[in-house]
PDB file of N, CA and C in Angstrom:
ATOM      1  N   UNK A   1     118.081   7.365 178.932  1.00  0.00           N
ATOM      2  CA  UNK A   1     119.154   7.036 179.847  1.00  0.00           C
ATOM      3  C   UNK A   1     120.484   7.265 179.146  1.00  0.00           C
ATOM      4  N   UNK A   2     121.508   7.443 179.972  1.00  0.00           N
ATOM      5  CA  UNK A   2     122.838   7.551 179.409  1.00  0.00           C
ATOM      6  C   UNK A   2     123.858   6.964 180.366  1.00  0.00           C
ATOM      7  N   UNK A   3     125.025   6.647 179.801  1.00  0.00           N
ATOM      8  CA  UNK A   3     126.145   6.133 180.572  1.00  0.00           C
ATOM      9  C   UNK A   3     127.047   7.305 180.902  1.00  0.00           C
ATOM     10  N   UNK A   4     127.429   7.422 182.181  1.00  0.00           N
ATOM     11  CA  UNK A   4     128.264   8.544 182.579  1.00  0.00           C
ATOM     12  C   UNK A   4     129.262   8.154 183.656  1.00  0.00           C
ATOM     13  N   UNK A   5     130.085   9.126 184.040  1.00  0.00           N
ATOM     14  CA  UNK A   5     131.072   8.946 185.101  1.00  0.00           C
ATOM     15  C   UNK A   5     130.813  10.010 186.166  1.00  0.00           C
ATOM     16  N   UNK A   6     130.820   9.589 187.433  1.00  0.00           N
ATOM     17  CA  UNK A   6     130.635  10.523 188.538  1.00  0.00           C
ATOM     18  C   UNK A   6     131.907  11.360 188.658  1.00  0.00           C
ATOM     19  N   UNK A   7     131.753  12.685 188.582  1.00  0.00           N
ATOM     20  CA  UNK A   7     132.909  13.583 188.624  1.00  0.00           C
ATOM     21  C   UNK A   7     132.892  14.521 189.830  1.00  0.00           C
ATOM     22  N   UNK A   8     131.822  14.499 190.626  1.00  0.00           N
ATOM     23  CA  UNK A   8     131.779  15.394 191.778  1.00  0.00           C
ATOM     24  C   UNK A   8     130.531  15.208 192.614  1.00  0.00           C
ATOM     25  N   UNK A   9     130.484  15.975 193.704  1.00  0.00           N
ATOM     26  CA  UNK A   9     129.347  15.959 194.620  1.00  0.00           C
ATOM     27  C   UNK A   9     128.808  17.370 194.774  1.00  0.00           C
ATOM     28  N   UNK A  10     127.563  17.470 195.182  1.00  0.00           N
ATOM     29  CA  UNK A  10     126.930  18.756 195.469  1.00  0.00           C
ATOM     30  C   UNK A  10     126.393  18.685 196.893  1.00  0.00           C
ATOM     31  N   UNK A  11     126.706  19.686 197.700  1.00  0.00           N
ATOM     32  CA  UNK A  11     126.155  19.771 199.050  1.00  0.00           C
ATOM     33  C   UNK A  11     125.229  20.975 199.102  1.00  0.00           C
ATOM     34  N   UNK A  12     124.065  20.780 199.676  1.00  0.00           N
ATOM     35  CA  UNK A  12     123.103  21.867 199.825  1.00  0.00           C
ATOM     36  C   UNK A  12     122.480  21.755 201.216  1.00  0.00           C
ATOM     37  N   UNK A  13     122.699  22.769 202.036  1.00  0.00           N
ATOM     38  CA  UNK A  13     122.134  22.724 203.394  1.00  0.00           C
ATOM     39  C   UNK A  13     120.643  23.017 203.390  1.00  0.00           C
ATOM     40  N   UNK A  14     120.185  23.761 202.398  1.00  0.00           N
ATOM     41  CA  UNK A  14     118.757  24.030 202.283  1.00  0.00           C
ATOM     42  C   UNK A  14     118.279  23.482 200.948  1.00  0.00           C
ATOM     43  N   UNK A  15     117.311  22.576 201.005  1.00  0.00           N
ATOM     44  CA  UNK A  15     116.745  22.020 199.782  1.00  0.00           C
ATOM     45  C   UNK A  15     115.318  21.575 200.040  1.00  0.00           C
ATOM     46  N   UNK A  16     114.564  21.387 198.963  1.00  0.00           N
ATOM     47  CA  UNK A  16     113.165  20.994 199.100  1.00  0.00           C
ATOM     48  C   UNK A  16     113.070  19.627 199.768  1.00  0.00           C
ATOM     49  N   UNK A  17     111.932  19.369 200.358  1.00  0.00           N
ATOM     50  CA  UNK A  17     111.709  18.132 201.119  1.00  0.00           C
ATOM     51  C   UNK A  17     112.030  16.867 200.316  1.00  0.00           C
ATOM     52  N   UNK A  18     111.673  16.849 199.044  1.00  0.00           N
ATOM     53  CA  UNK A  18     111.909  15.668 198.208  1.00  0.00           C
ATOM     54  C   UNK A  18     113.385  15.285 198.127  1.00  0.00           C
ATOM     55  N   UNK A  19     114.273  16.259 198.301  1.00  0.00           N
ATOM     56  CA  UNK A  19     115.704  16.009 198.152  1.00  0.00           C
ATOM     57  C   UNK A  19     116.436  15.783 199.480  1.00  0.00           C
ATOM     58  N   UNK A  20     115.768  15.971 200.598  1.00  0.00           N
ATOM     59  CA  UNK A  20     116.448  15.912 201.905  1.00  0.00           C
ATOM     60  C   UNK A  20     117.161  14.595 202.177  1.00  0.00           C
ATOM     61  N   UNK A  21     116.639  13.485 201.738  1.00  0.00           N
ATOM     62  CA  UNK A  21     117.260  12.195 202.028  1.00  0.00           C
ATOM     63  C   UNK A  21     118.186  11.725 200.901  1.00  0.00           C
ATOM     64  N   UNK A  22     118.363  12.541 199.877  1.00  0.00           N
ATOM     65  CA  UNK A  22     119.126  12.113 198.712  1.00  0.00           C
ATOM     66  C   UNK A  22     120.474  12.811 198.598  1.00  0.00           C
ATOM     67  N   UNK A  23     121.472  12.047 198.260  1.00  0.00           N
ATOM     68  CA  UNK A  23     122.797  12.570 197.963  1.00  0.00           C
ATOM     69  C   UNK A  23     122.766  13.063 196.517  1.00  0.00           C
ATOM     70  N   UNK A  24     123.435  14.158 196.238  1.00  0.00           N
ATOM     71  CA  UNK A  24     123.466  14.721 194.891  1.00  0.00           C
ATOM     72  C   UNK A  24     124.872  14.602 194.321  1.00  0.00           C
ATOM     73  N   UNK A  25     124.979  13.995 193.148  1.00  0.00           N
ATOM     74  CA  UNK A  25     126.272  13.807 192.495  1.00  0.00           C
ATOM     75  C   UNK A  25     126.274  14.478 191.131  1.00  0.00           C
ATOM     76  N   UNK A  26     127.458  14.876 190.687  1.00  0.00           N
ATOM     77  CA  UNK A  26     127.637  15.466 189.371  1.00  0.00           C
ATOM     78  C   UNK A  26     128.141  14.358 188.446  1.00  0.00           C
ATOM     79  N   UNK A  27     127.415  14.137 187.348  1.00  0.00           N
ATOM     80  CA  UNK A  27     127.756  13.072 186.403  1.00  0.00           C
ATOM     81  C   UNK A  27     127.993  13.684 185.029  1.00  0.00           C
ATOM     82  N   UNK A  28     129.097  13.270 184.415  1.00  0.00           N
ATOM     83  CA  UNK A  28     129.428  13.710 183.071  1.00  0.00           C
ATOM     84  C   UNK A  28     129.135  12.566 182.100  1.00  0.00           C
ATOM     85  N   UNK A  29     128.423  12.856 181.037  1.00  0.00           N
ATOM     86  CA  UNK A  29     128.089  11.838 180.035  1.00  0.00           C
ATOM     87  C   UNK A  29     129.355  11.336 179.360  1.00  0.00           C
ATOM     88  N   UNK A  30     129.435  10.033 179.128  1.00  0.00           N
ATOM     89  CA  UNK A  30     130.588   9.475 178.423  1.00  0.00           C
ATOM     90  C   UNK A  30     130.505   9.734 176.934  1.00  0.00           C
ATOM     91  N   UNK A  31     129.313   9.709 176.365  1.00  0.00           N
ATOM     92  CA  UNK A  31     129.155   9.812 174.919  1.00  0.00           C
ATOM     93  C   UNK A  31     129.160  11.258 174.465  1.00  0.00           C
ATOM     94  N   UNK A  32     130.316  11.726 174.072  1.00  0.00           N
ATOM     95  CA  UNK A  32     130.424  13.095 173.559  1.00  0.00           C
ATOM     96  C   UNK A  32     130.460  13.099 172.031  1.00  0.00           C
ATOM     97  N   UNK A  33     130.185  11.936 171.419  1.00  0.00           N
ATOM     98  CA  UNK A  33     130.213  11.842 169.962  1.00  0.00           C
ATOM     99  C   UNK A  33     128.841  12.105 169.361  1.00  0.00           C
ATOM    100  N   UNK A  34     127.909  12.565 170.161  1.00  0.00           N
ATOM    101  CA  UNK A  34     126.565  12.835 169.648  1.00  0.00           C
ATOM    102  C   UNK A  34     126.607  13.946 168.608  1.00  0.00           C
ATOM    103  N   UNK A  35     125.541  14.063 167.870  1.00  0.00           N
ATOM    104  CA  UNK A  35     125.413  15.112 166.866  1.00  0.00           C
ATOM    105  C   UNK A  35     125.681  16.466 167.517  1.00  0.00           C
ATOM    106  N   UNK A  36     126.648  17.228 166.987  1.00  0.00           N
ATOM    107  CA  UNK A  36     126.976  18.527 167.605  1.00  0.00           C
ATOM    108  C   UNK A  36     125.792  19.490 167.665  1.00  0.00           C
ATOM    109  N   UNK A  37     124.821  19.313 166.783  1.00  0.00           N
ATOM    110  CA  UNK A  37     123.656  20.197 166.783  1.00  0.00           C
ATOM    111  C   UNK A  37     122.671  19.832 167.901  1.00  0.00           C
ATOM    112  N   UNK A  38     122.804  18.618 168.460  1.00  0.00           N
ATOM    113  CA  UNK A  38     121.876  18.175 169.505  1.00  0.00           C
ATOM    114  C   UNK A  38     122.178  18.917 170.809  1.00  0.00           C
ATOM    115  N   UNK A  39     121.113  19.285 171.487  1.00  0.00           N
ATOM    116  CA  UNK A  39     121.284  19.983 172.771  1.00  0.00           C
ATOM    117  C   UNK A  39     121.907  19.036 173.794  1.00  0.00           C
ATOM    118  N   UNK A  40     122.901  19.529 174.545  1.00  0.00           N
ATOM    119  CA  UNK A  40     123.562  18.723 175.568  1.00  0.00           C
ATOM    120  C   UNK A  40     123.448  19.433 176.905  1.00  0.00           C
ATOM    121  N   UNK A  41     123.242  18.670 177.920  1.00  0.00           N
ATOM    122  CA  UNK A  41     123.295  19.193 179.272  1.00  0.00           C
ATOM    123  C   UNK A  41     124.256  18.280 180.011  1.00  0.00           C
ATOM    124  N   UNK A  42     125.491  18.689 180.088  1.00  0.00           N
ATOM    125  CA  UNK A  42     126.484  17.895 180.799  1.00  0.00           C
ATOM    126  C   UNK A  42     127.487  18.852 181.414  1.00  0.00           C
ATOM    127  N   UNK A  43     127.879  18.689 182.606  1.00  0.00           N
ATOM    128  CA  UNK A  43     127.494  17.596 183.486  1.00  0.00           C
ATOM    129  C   UNK A  43     126.067  17.776 184.032  1.00  0.00           C
ATOM    130  N   UNK A  44     125.554  16.685 184.621  1.00  0.00           N
ATOM    131  CA  UNK A  44     124.193  16.649 185.144  1.00  0.00           C
ATOM    132  C   UNK A  44     124.247  16.387 186.645  1.00  0.00           C
ATOM    133  N   UNK A  45     123.452  17.120 187.424  1.00  0.00           N
ATOM    134  CA  UNK A  45     123.318  16.843 188.853  1.00  0.00           C
ATOM    135  C   UNK A  45     122.242  15.768 188.999  1.00  0.00           C
ATOM    136  N   UNK A  46     122.606  14.665 189.666  1.00  0.00           N
ATOM    137  CA  UNK A  46     121.712  13.510 189.772  1.00  0.00           C
ATOM    138  C   UNK A  46     121.454  13.148 191.225  1.00  0.00           C
ATOM    139  N   UNK A  47     120.236  12.747 191.513  1.00  0.00           N
ATOM    140  CA  UNK A  47     119.926  12.138 192.810  1.00  0.00           C
ATOM    141  C   UNK A  47     120.592  10.767 192.822  1.00  0.00           C
ATOM    142  N   UNK A  48     121.167  10.391 193.976  1.00  0.00           N
ATOM    143  CA  UNK A  48     121.887   9.109 194.051  1.00  0.00           C
ATOM    144  C   UNK A  48     121.362   8.251 195.196  1.00  0.00           C
ATOM    145  N   UNK A  49     120.428   7.346 194.910  1.00  0.00           N
ATOM    146  CA  UNK A  49     119.929   6.454 195.954  1.00  0.00           C
ATOM    147  C   UNK A  49     120.803   5.214 196.152  1.00  0.00           C
ATOM    148  N   UNK A  50     121.834   5.035 195.298  1.00  0.00           N
ATOM    149  CA  UNK A  50     122.608   3.794 195.306  1.00  0.00           C
ATOM    150  C   UNK A  50     123.964   3.883 196.002  1.00  0.00           C
ATOM    151  N   UNK A  51     124.498   5.079 196.194  1.00  0.00           N
ATOM    152  CA  UNK A  51     125.790   5.224 196.854  1.00  0.00           C
ATOM    153  C   UNK A  51     126.974   5.141 195.912  1.00  0.00           C
ATOM    154  N   UNK A  52     126.874   5.723 194.729  1.00  0.00           N
ATOM    155  CA  UNK A  52     127.982   5.730 193.775  1.00  0.00           C
ATOM    156  C   UNK A  52     129.121   6.598 194.309  1.00  0.00           C
ATOM    157  N   UNK A  53     130.336   6.300 193.869  1.00  0.00           N
ATOM    158  CA  UNK A  53     131.516   7.057 194.276  1.00  0.00           C
ATOM    159  C   UNK A  53     132.106   7.826 193.106  1.00  0.00           C
ATOM    160  N   UNK A  54     132.919   8.816 193.418  1.00  0.00           N
ATOM    161  CA  UNK A  54     133.625   9.591 192.410  1.00  0.00           C
ATOM    162  C   UNK A  54     134.417   8.626 191.529  1.00  0.00           C
ATOM    163  N   UNK A  55     134.334   8.823 190.219  1.00  0.00           N
ATOM    164  CA  UNK A  55     135.074   8.002 189.273  1.00  0.00           C
ATOM    165  C   UNK A  55     134.329   6.791 188.770  1.00  0.00           C
ATOM    166  N   UNK A  56     133.246   6.397 189.441  1.00  0.00           N
ATOM    167  CA  UNK A  56     132.506   5.224 188.993  1.00  0.00           C
ATOM    168  C   UNK A  56     131.659   5.553 187.771  1.00  0.00           C
ATOM    169  N   UNK A  57     131.481   4.546 186.920  1.00  0.00           N
ATOM    170  CA  UNK A  57     130.573   4.655 185.789  1.00  0.00           C
ATOM    171  C   UNK A  57     129.172   4.329 186.281  1.00  0.00           C
ATOM    172  N   UNK A  58     128.198   5.091 185.811  1.00  0.00           N
ATOM    173  CA  UNK A  58     126.810   4.919 186.261  1.00  0.00           C
ATOM    174  C   UNK A  58     125.850   5.020 185.083  1.00  0.00           C
ATOM    175  N   UNK A  59     124.653   4.493 185.302  1.00  0.00           N
ATOM    176  CA  UNK A  59     123.555   4.654 184.349  1.00  0.00           C
ATOM    177  C   UNK A  59     122.628   5.710 184.940  1.00  0.00           C
ATOM    178  N   UNK A  60     122.306   6.711 184.139  1.00  0.00           N
ATOM    179  CA  UNK A  60     121.466   7.821 184.592  1.00  0.00           C
ATOM    180  C   UNK A  60     120.151   7.800 183.814  1.00  0.00           C
ATOM    181  N   UNK A  61     119.057   7.920 184.552  1.00  0.00           N
ATOM    182  CA  UNK A  61     117.726   8.021 183.933  1.00  0.00           C
ATOM    183  C   UNK A  61     117.208   9.439 184.139  1.00  0.00           C
ATOM    184  N   UNK A  62     116.345   9.876 183.232  1.00  0.00           N
ATOM    185  CA  UNK A  62     115.742  11.202 183.318  1.00  0.00           C
ATOM    186  C   UNK A  62     114.240  11.102 183.544  1.00  0.00           C
ATOM    187  N   UNK A  63     113.663  12.202 184.004  1.00  0.00           N
ATOM    188  CA  UNK A  63     112.225  12.352 184.082  1.00  0.00           C
ATOM    189  C   UNK A  63     111.545  11.426 185.072  1.00  0.00           C
ATOM    190  N   UNK A  64     110.331  11.066 184.728  1.00  0.00           N
ATOM    191  CA  UNK A  64     109.521  10.252 185.631  1.00  0.00           C
ATOM    192  C   UNK A  64     110.190   8.908 185.919  1.00  0.00           C
ATOM    193  N   UNK A  65     110.879   8.337 184.944  1.00  0.00           N
ATOM    194  CA  UNK A  65     111.581   7.066 185.163  1.00  0.00           C
ATOM    195  C   UNK A  65     112.612   7.210 186.281  1.00  0.00           C
ATOM    196  N   UNK A  66     113.312   8.321 186.318  1.00  0.00           N
ATOM    197  CA  UNK A  66     114.311   8.563 187.369  1.00  0.00           C
ATOM    198  C   UNK A  66     113.639   8.696 188.725  1.00  0.00           C
ATOM    199  N   UNK A  67     112.536   9.411 188.773  1.00  0.00           N
ATOM    200  CA  UNK A  67     111.857   9.654 190.045  1.00  0.00           C
ATOM    201  C   UNK A  67     111.203   8.386 190.594  1.00  0.00           C
ATOM    202  N   UNK A  68     110.598   7.594 189.727  1.00  0.00           N
ATOM    203  CA  UNK A  68     109.975   6.344 190.171  1.00  0.00           C
ATOM    204  C   UNK A  68     111.053   5.364 190.641  1.00  0.00           C
ATOM    205  N   UNK A  69     112.146   5.279 189.902  1.00  0.00           N
ATOM    206  CA  UNK A  69     113.231   4.361 190.273  1.00  0.00           C
ATOM    207  C   UNK A  69     113.856   4.744 191.608  1.00  0.00           C
ATOM    208  N   UNK A  70     113.876   6.024 191.924  1.00  0.00           N
ATOM    209  CA  UNK A  70     114.521   6.496 193.147  1.00  0.00           C
ATOM    210  C   UNK A  70     113.606   6.412 194.355  1.00  0.00           C
ATOM    211  N   UNK A  71     112.403   6.941 194.250  1.00  0.00           N
ATOM    212  CA  UNK A  71     111.523   7.032 195.417  1.00  0.00           C
ATOM    213  C   UNK A  71     110.228   6.238 195.279  1.00  0.00           C
ATOM    214  N   UNK A  72     109.998   5.629 194.111  1.00  0.00           N
ATOM    215  CA  UNK A  72     108.781   4.846 193.919  1.00  0.00           C
ATOM    216  C   UNK A  72     107.554   5.726 193.802  1.00  0.00           C
ATOM    217  N   UNK A  73     106.429   5.181 194.185  1.00  0.00           N
ATOM    218  CA  UNK A  73     105.138   5.869 194.147  1.00  0.00           C
ATOM    219  C   UNK A  73     104.822   6.381 192.752  1.00  0.00           C
ATOM    220  N   UNK A  74     104.264   7.598 192.643  1.00  0.00           N
ATOM    221  CA  UNK A  74     103.836   8.081 191.332  1.00  0.00           C
ATOM    222  C   UNK A  74     104.914   8.852 190.587  1.00  0.00           C
ATOM    223  N   UNK A  75     106.049   9.061 191.211  1.00  0.00           N
ATOM    224  CA  UNK A  75     107.155   9.726 190.529  1.00  0.00           C
ATOM    225  C   UNK A  75     107.039  11.229 190.438  1.00  0.00           C
ATOM    226  N   UNK A  76     106.181  11.857 191.244  1.00  0.00           N
ATOM    227  CA  UNK A  76     105.996  13.298 191.192  1.00  0.00           C
ATOM    228  C   UNK A  76     106.876  13.966 192.255  1.00  0.00           C
ATOM    229  N   UNK A  77     108.192  14.065 191.957  1.00  0.00           N
ATOM    230  CA  UNK A  77     109.152  14.618 192.904  1.00  0.00           C
ATOM    231  C   UNK A  77     109.988  15.692 192.228  1.00  0.00           C
ATOM    232  N   UNK A  78     110.732  16.439 193.034  1.00  0.00           N
ATOM    233  CA  UNK A  78     111.431  17.631 192.555  1.00  0.00           C
ATOM    234  C   UNK A  78     112.855  17.370 192.056  1.00  0.00           C
ATOM    235  N   UNK A  79     113.053  16.371 191.219  1.00  0.00           N
ATOM    236  CA  UNK A  79     114.334  16.206 190.548  1.00  0.00           C
ATOM    237  C   UNK A  79     114.112  15.565 189.187  1.00  0.00           C
ATOM    238  N   UNK A  80     115.066  15.771 188.303  1.00  0.00           N
ATOM    239  CA  UNK A  80     114.912  15.354 186.914  1.00  0.00           C
ATOM    240  C   UNK A  80     115.794  14.178 186.530  1.00  0.00           C
ATOM    241  N   UNK A  81     116.923  13.975 187.220  1.00  0.00           N
ATOM    242  CA  UNK A  81     117.863  12.914 186.849  1.00  0.00           C
ATOM    243  C   UNK A  81     118.261  12.121 188.086  1.00  0.00           C
ATOM    244  N   UNK A  82     118.463  10.812 187.896  1.00  0.00           N
ATOM    245  CA  UNK A  82     118.870   9.956 189.017  1.00  0.00           C
ATOM    246  C   UNK A  82     119.778   8.840 188.526  1.00  0.00           C
ATOM    247  N   UNK A  83     120.693   8.452 189.388  1.00  0.00           N
ATOM    248  CA  UNK A  83     121.541   7.300 189.109  1.00  0.00           C
ATOM    249  C   UNK A  83     120.704   6.061 189.393  1.00  0.00           C
ATOM    250  N   UNK A  84     120.541   5.226 188.376  1.00  0.00           N
ATOM    251  CA  UNK A  84     119.713   4.028 188.527  1.00  0.00           C
ATOM    252  C   UNK A  84     120.530   2.749 188.415  1.00  0.00           C
ATOM    253  N   UNK A  85     121.835   2.880 188.189  1.00  0.00           N
ATOM    254  CA  UNK A  85     122.708   1.713 188.124  1.00  0.00           C
ATOM    255  C   UNK A  85     124.155   2.118 188.286  1.00  0.00           C
ATOM    256  N   UNK A  86     124.933   1.282 188.979  1.00  0.00           N
ATOM    257  CA  UNK A  86     126.379   1.462 189.072  1.00  0.00           C
ATOM    258  C   UNK A  86     126.986   0.370 188.200  1.00  0.00           C
ATOM    259  N   UNK A  87     127.777   0.765 187.217  1.00  0.00           N
ATOM    260  CA  UNK A  87     128.287  -0.141 186.201  1.00  0.00           C
ATOM    261  C   UNK A  87     129.509  -0.898 186.720  1.00  0.00           C
ATOM    262  N   UNK A  88     129.470  -2.225 186.573  1.00  0.00           N
ATOM    263  CA  UNK A  88     130.625  -3.058 186.919  1.00  0.00           C
ATOM    264  C   UNK A  88     131.604  -3.124 185.758  1.00  0.00           C
ATOM    265  N   UNK A  89     131.078  -3.235 184.564  1.00  0.00           N
ATOM    266  CA  UNK A  89     131.913  -3.317 183.366  1.00  0.00           C
ATOM    267  C   UNK A  89     131.001  -3.148 182.158  1.00  0.00           C
ATOM    268  N   UNK A  90     131.593  -2.902 181.000  1.00  0.00           N
ATOM    269  CA  UNK A  90     130.810  -2.820 179.771  1.00  0.00           C
ATOM    270  C   UNK A  90     131.694  -3.156 178.586  1.00  0.00           C
ATOM    271  N   UNK A  91     131.063  -3.484 177.481  1.00  0.00           N
ATOM    272  CA  UNK A  91     131.771  -3.808 176.252  1.00  0.00           C
ATOM    273  C   UNK A  91     131.153  -2.985 175.134  1.00  0.00           C
ATOM    274  N   UNK A  92     131.884  -1.974 174.712  1.00  0.00           N
ATOM    275  CA  UNK A  92     131.423  -1.114 173.632  1.00  0.00           C
ATOM    276  C   UNK A  92     132.536  -1.070 172.584  1.00  0.00           C
ATOM    277  N   UNK A  93     132.373  -1.811 171.486  1.00  0.00           N
ATOM    278  CA  UNK A  93     133.410  -1.804 170.448  1.00  0.00           C
ATOM    279  C   UNK A  93     133.695  -0.384 169.962  1.00  0.00           C
ATOM    280  N   UNK A  94     134.957  -0.090 169.763  1.00  0.00           N
ATOM    281  CA  UNK A  94     135.404   1.212 169.251  1.00  0.00           C
ATOM    282  C   UNK A  94     135.102   2.384 170.186  1.00  0.00           C
ATOM    283  N   UNK A  95     134.899   2.103 171.470  1.00  0.00           N
ATOM    284  CA  UNK A  95     134.673   3.198 172.426  1.00  0.00           C
ATOM    285  C   UNK A  95     135.966   3.990 172.590  1.00  0.00           C
ATOM    286  N   UNK A  96     135.860   5.296 172.790  1.00  0.00           N
ATOM    287  CA  UNK A  96     137.065   6.101 172.990  1.00  0.00           C
ATOM    288  C   UNK A  96     137.800   5.690 174.271  1.00  0.00           C
ATOM    289  N   UNK A  97     139.084   5.969 174.320  1.00  0.00           N
ATOM    290  CA  UNK A  97     139.900   5.616 175.489  1.00  0.00           C
ATOM    291  C   UNK A  97     139.372   6.281 176.756  1.00  0.00           C
ATOM    292  N   UNK A  98     138.742   7.442 176.626  1.00  0.00           N
ATOM    293  CA  UNK A  98     138.226   8.159 177.794  1.00  0.00           C
ATOM    294  C   UNK A  98     137.111   7.398 178.505  1.00  0.00           C
ATOM    295  N   UNK A  99     136.544   6.394 177.851  1.00  0.00           N
ATOM    296  CA  UNK A  99     135.475   5.605 178.459  1.00  0.00           C
ATOM    297  C   UNK A  99     136.004   4.527 179.382  1.00  0.00           C
ATOM    298  N   UNK A 100     137.302   4.254 179.349  1.00  0.00           N
ATOM    299  CA  UNK A 100     137.863   3.141 180.123  1.00  0.00           C
ATOM    300  C   UNK A 100     137.478   3.221 181.583  1.00  0.00           C
ATOM    301  N   UNK A 101     137.222   2.049 182.149  1.00  0.00           N
ATOM    302  CA  UNK A 101     136.926   1.956 183.582  1.00  0.00           C
ATOM    303  C   UNK A 101     138.198   2.292 184.345  1.00  0.00           C
ATOM    304  N   UNK A 102     138.070   3.090 185.387  1.00  0.00           N
ATOM    305  CA  UNK A 102     139.200   3.444 186.226  1.00  0.00           C
ATOM    306  C   UNK A 102     139.198   2.574 187.466  1.00  0.00           C
ATOM    307  N   UNK A 103     140.326   2.526 188.131  1.00  0.00           N
ATOM    308  CA  UNK A 103     140.437   1.784 189.383  1.00  0.00           C
ATOM    309  C   UNK A 103     139.746   2.605 190.472  1.00  0.00           C
ATOM    310  N   UNK A 104     138.509   2.242 190.782  1.00  0.00           N
ATOM    311  CA  UNK A 104     137.693   3.010 191.725  1.00  0.00           C
ATOM    312  C   UNK A 104     138.294   2.977 193.127  1.00  0.00           C
ATOM    313  N   UNK A 105     138.904   1.864 193.512  1.00  0.00           N
ATOM    314  CA  UNK A 105     139.506   1.782 194.848  1.00  0.00           C
ATOM    315  C   UNK A 105     140.605   2.819 195.012  1.00  0.00           C
ATOM    316  N   UNK A 106     141.432   3.014 193.984  1.00  0.00           N
ATOM    317  CA  UNK A 106     142.483   4.028 194.085  1.00  0.00           C
ATOM    318  C   UNK A 106     141.879   5.432 194.105  1.00  0.00           C
ATOM    319  N   UNK A 107     140.776   5.631 193.381  1.00  0.00           N
ATOM    320  CA  UNK A 107     140.096   6.927 193.425  1.00  0.00           C
ATOM    321  C   UNK A 107     139.541   7.210 194.817  1.00  0.00           C
ATOM    322  N   UNK A 108     138.947   6.177 195.462  1.00  0.00           N
ATOM    323  CA  UNK A 108     138.419   6.338 196.821  1.00  0.00           C
ATOM    324  C   UNK A 108     139.536   6.677 197.806  1.00  0.00           C
ATOM    325  N   UNK A 109     140.671   5.991 197.672  1.00  0.00           N
ATOM    326  CA  UNK A 109     141.801   6.237 198.575  1.00  0.00           C
ATOM    327  C   UNK A 109     142.329   7.660 198.409  1.00  0.00           C
ATOM    328  N   UNK A 110     142.438   8.108 197.167  1.00  0.00           N
ATOM    329  CA  UNK A 110     142.908   9.477 196.915  1.00  0.00           C
ATOM    330  C   UNK A 110     141.924  10.498 197.483  1.00  0.00           C
ATOM    331  N   UNK A 111     140.649  10.214 197.345  1.00  0.00           N
ATOM    332  CA  UNK A 111     139.621  11.122 197.871  1.00  0.00           C
ATOM    333  C   UNK A 111     139.684  11.185 199.396  1.00  0.00           C
ATOM    334  N   UNK A 112     139.851  10.035 200.049  1.00  0.00           N
ATOM    335  CA  UNK A 112     139.960   9.998 201.508  1.00  0.00           C
ATOM    336  C   UNK A 112     141.194  10.763 201.968  1.00  0.00           C
ATOM    337  N   UNK A 113     142.285  10.627 201.240  1.00  0.00           N
ATOM    338  CA  UNK A 113     143.519  11.344 201.576  1.00  0.00           C
ATOM    339  C   UNK A 113     143.314  12.851 201.457  1.00  0.00           C
ATOM    340  N   UNK A 114     142.603  13.281 200.414  1.00  0.00           N
ATOM    341  CA  UNK A 114     142.319  14.719 200.256  1.00  0.00           C
ATOM    342  C   UNK A 114     141.473  15.220 201.409  1.00  0.00           C
ATOM    343  N   UNK A 115     140.476  14.434 201.821  1.00  0.00           N
ATOM    344  CA  UNK A 115     139.614  14.849 202.929  1.00  0.00           C
ATOM    345  C   UNK A 115     140.420  14.987 204.218  1.00  0.00           C
ATOM    346  N   UNK A 116     141.347  14.059 204.451  1.00  0.00           N
ATOM    347  CA  UNK A 116     142.203  14.149 205.631  1.00  0.00           C
ATOM    348  C   UNK A 116     143.038  15.419 205.579  1.00  0.00           C
ATOM    349  N   UNK A 117     143.581  15.715 204.420  1.00  0.00           N
ATOM    350  CA  UNK A 117     144.369  16.931 204.257  1.00  0.00           C
ATOM    351  C   UNK A 117     143.542  18.186 204.452  1.00  0.00           C
ATOM    352  N   UNK A 118     142.315  18.182 203.933  1.00  0.00           N
ATOM    353  CA  UNK A 118     141.428  19.332 204.074  1.00  0.00           C
ATOM    354  C   UNK A 118     141.024  19.538 205.542  1.00  0.00           C
ATOM    355  N   UNK A 119     140.785  18.457 206.277  1.00  0.00           N
ATOM    356  CA  UNK A 119     140.376  18.612 207.671  1.00  0.00           C
ATOM    357  C   UNK A 119     141.527  19.121 208.516  1.00  0.00           C
ATOM    358  N   UNK A 120     142.759  18.764 208.147  1.00  0.00           N
ATOM    359  CA  UNK A 120     143.925  19.281 208.860  1.00  0.00           C
ATOM    360  C   UNK A 120     144.119  20.757 208.627  1.00  0.00           C
ATOM    361  N   UNK A 121     143.829  21.213 207.409  1.00  0.00           N
ATOM    362  CA  UNK A 121     143.942  22.637 207.072  1.00  0.00           C
ATOM    363  C   UNK A 121     142.925  23.446 207.836  1.00  0.00           C
ATOM    364  N   UNK A 122     141.666  22.944 207.903  1.00  0.00           N
ATOM    365  CA  UNK A 122     140.619  23.713 208.563  1.00  0.00           C
ATOM    366  C   UNK A 122     140.827  23.725 210.071  1.00  0.00           C
ATOM    367  N   UNK A 123     141.429  22.670 210.629  1.00  0.00           N
ATOM    368  CA  UNK A 123     141.678  22.633 212.069  1.00  0.00           C
ATOM    369  C   UNK A 123     142.733  23.642 212.453  1.00  0.00           C
ATOM    370  N   UNK A 124     143.709  23.870 211.541  1.00  0.00           N
ATOM    371  CA  UNK A 124     144.770  24.812 211.846  1.00  0.00           C
ATOM    372  C   UNK A 124     144.419  26.235 211.510  1.00  0.00           C
ATOM    373  N   UNK A 125     143.343  26.468 210.809  1.00  0.00           N
ATOM    374  CA  UNK A 125     142.978  27.812 210.373  1.00  0.00           C
ATOM    375  C   UNK A 125     142.283  28.582 211.460  1.00  0.00           C
TER     376      UNK A 125
END
């Protein structure tokens, strides 16, 4: 598992059955201080059964743990990563400033404003 921040969304009109009911979010890992030689895959596209928003900190699980946490049963589904927790707060001594919790309400308001602006542009086009 890792701690990350939601940085975007993915929309797919055609996807496998396992993903049809799931929202897909792009999550960037907070911990960039890992060994530079270690393989990194960031950002990560994650299934989101919890309803996380852009800018929120989340806990991401990989593999079978992610699939079982999201859909239950035996965990044999077509995704590798899932948001399994939305973080309210955390205490990590000496964490970089980039880890700071942001005001999610202001992020939501800015996002809604952008959507309103985008819908006005498409209506006039």
